[in-house]
Amino acid sequence: MELDFAFVGTGNAFAPGGLCWNGFVVDGRFLFEAPPQALQSLNRLGIDPNGLDAVVLSHHHGDHVLGLPFILLHWKYFRRERPATVVGPPGTRELMMGIGRSVYPGLFDIDYELRWVELGDGASADVAGLQLTGHRVEHDARLSLNLGYRCVLQGRSFAYTGDTGMCDAVIELASSVEVLVSECSSVDERVPIHLNLVDDIPRLRRAMAPGSRLVLTHLVPGLSVSHLDRTIAAEDLARYRL
């Protein structure tokens, strides 16, 4: 069975070349990251925000979380009835409730059940049939925790690196799944807290099983991956069945 990956955006924090900030939806139900334009992109993709079962956050940088208040606003005023879950590192609930209450007073006066799941390194959860395990990755040590995720949905395994430099956890994720969604923040610039196309992505590709698929996001524009087997540079508002 194939999974549907729909990208609400593929850019890094600086939205280079006008790319939308990175995030993607799996099977129309699970939004990974909540970038500022997430609600707009969901509408453009024809994905009903009320159809989301969960929002999964890798870390607390603004380009990954500041779209969540708009999604919560939609859920509140467009009569969401089903439970919803927000998954993230420790401190996610406190941070997002503080932001939400500040920018939209009354945002959490709701009729549906909103659940918060905070995962540490190696911790797992089952959210509406999505099995998640958090893996600590190397990004911003000033944050509570930076997570990549290994996931299983409908018997298919996939992983998401979040934002990270090269580390053992990323290699472990790459070697254990059928689909890996990986950040790739530059072509050849060497930044310890990010991956690049020239040095790091070939190493990830070699760690993966030959038949697995690699999807790059958190990009600079115009990235060419023709030299890499079974690898896609994702595009804003594109969908891939993998």
Foldseek 3Di string as FASTA:
>chain_A
DWKKKWWQWFAAPVCAPVTQQTWIDINLAEIEFQAQCNVVSCVVLVRDLLNHQEYEYQFDDRRRHVRVLVSLQCCAPVPRAEEHEYEYAPPPVVVVVVVNCVVPNPSPVHNHHYYYHHADAQDWDQGPQKIWGWHFAAADPVTRTGTKIWIAHPNFIEIEGGFAADDPRLLVRLAPHQEYEYEAQEAPDDDHGHHHNPPHPVVSLVSHDLNGAYEYGNYHPPDDDVVGPRYYDDGNRDMDID
